[in-house]
Amino acid sequence: MAGGKTGVLIVDDSAYSRQTIKKMLEKDSNMDVLAVATDGVDAMGKTIRLKPDIITLDFEMPGMDGFAFLRWVMKEQPTPVIMVSSYSDSGTVFKALELGAVDFIAKPARKASDMLMGIENDLLLKVRNIKKPSLNKLRNSLELISETEKISADIPVSRSSAEVIAIGASTGGPAALQYILTRLPHEFPSAMLISQHMPKGFTKSLAQRLNKMSGISVKEAGDNEPIVPSTAYICPGGSHLTVRKKRNCYYTKIIPPSRGDKYVPSVDIMMTSVAASFGKRAIGVILTGMGDDGKRGMLEIRKKNGYTIAESEKTAVIYGMPREVVNSGGAEKIKPLHDIPKELVRILERN
């Protein structure tokens, strides 16, 4: 980071995309676009020579593609990488995240188009917030995931069938969610509602992946589904997840975003609804992510005498959302990621 500026290397085989992304980043006086690269081989040389702070990477390139370059850079010169690609099907995205990409932005079109300008705000926000420590924490999360130990517990489902755990996450969230969900006991007595900042079209695949790995059932939430124990419901990308009560049962309610919504899905909207519906029987968990989504929702859960946990700065890939919650007084406990599953089980065994 020369002169306090964030040095960025842009890797993309499209001349239009390279120049457009360069213009976007140069609008921020704290950004220094060190160079552009046309493919993985070109990017390797410039990474070694220029030592960028962040790399934006397209995956669909001739010769050495984005995956090959990502593997190389994570092994030889670990650097935060943001995937900026039209090759953004869910399988590609999750593979990139598993290989160490910190985040992704989907190009709105495969071919050169003015639509690319639509990613400007998202790109600038992510590049501003992702630093070298983010990568180190992400690598630690991925190493934690490789451990397979589950928590054993004896919590009768019938005793806690009305409890709901509301979880919010953004950048770094898929890995954090995987760590938590794969460690919970099979007969986990609570339902879980999850809002992960992710575009439409990706959350179903996220739910399917987590369902294969977890002892509890994980699914993308549908509208008007009964909320049952031992099941995690992930809010569909592009929508908000809330709760409604019908007779003595609780159901999911999927609502469309409003024009002015800053975050979609919104953790605040989900948690506020959970607080109103479940009161002291609710648990709120805020994980890694940038911004302040979840601050209001966690405060609402605390006001209703629910229990709240914020991921600590020690493990959060981006300590933005957790910091806002902690500073506002919305966190009853602050825990590193590796302690959160045990803390959830401890709370439920206590009740």
Foldseek 3Di string as FASTA:
>chain_A
DPPQAAEEEEEAQDPLVQVLVVVLQVVDVRHDDPYYHNALVRVVVCCVVVVGQEYEAEADHPDHGPVNSLLVCCPPPDHAYEYEYCPPAQVVQVVSLLSQHQYYDHQPDHDNDPSNCVCSVVVNVVSVQAGPVLSVLLVVLSVLLPDQEADDDDFDLVVQWLFEEEEEEEGSPLSLVLNQQRRYDLQANYEYEYEYQDAANHVQVSQVVSCVRGSAHGGAFDAFAWGTTSYYHYDGHQWEWAWDDDDHTIGIHIGGDDPPDPTTHASQRHLLRCCVVRQQSYEYEYAADADAGPQNSLQSNVVSNHAYEYEAPVNHSGCHNSVSNVVSVSHPYYHHSNCVNVVVSVVSVVD
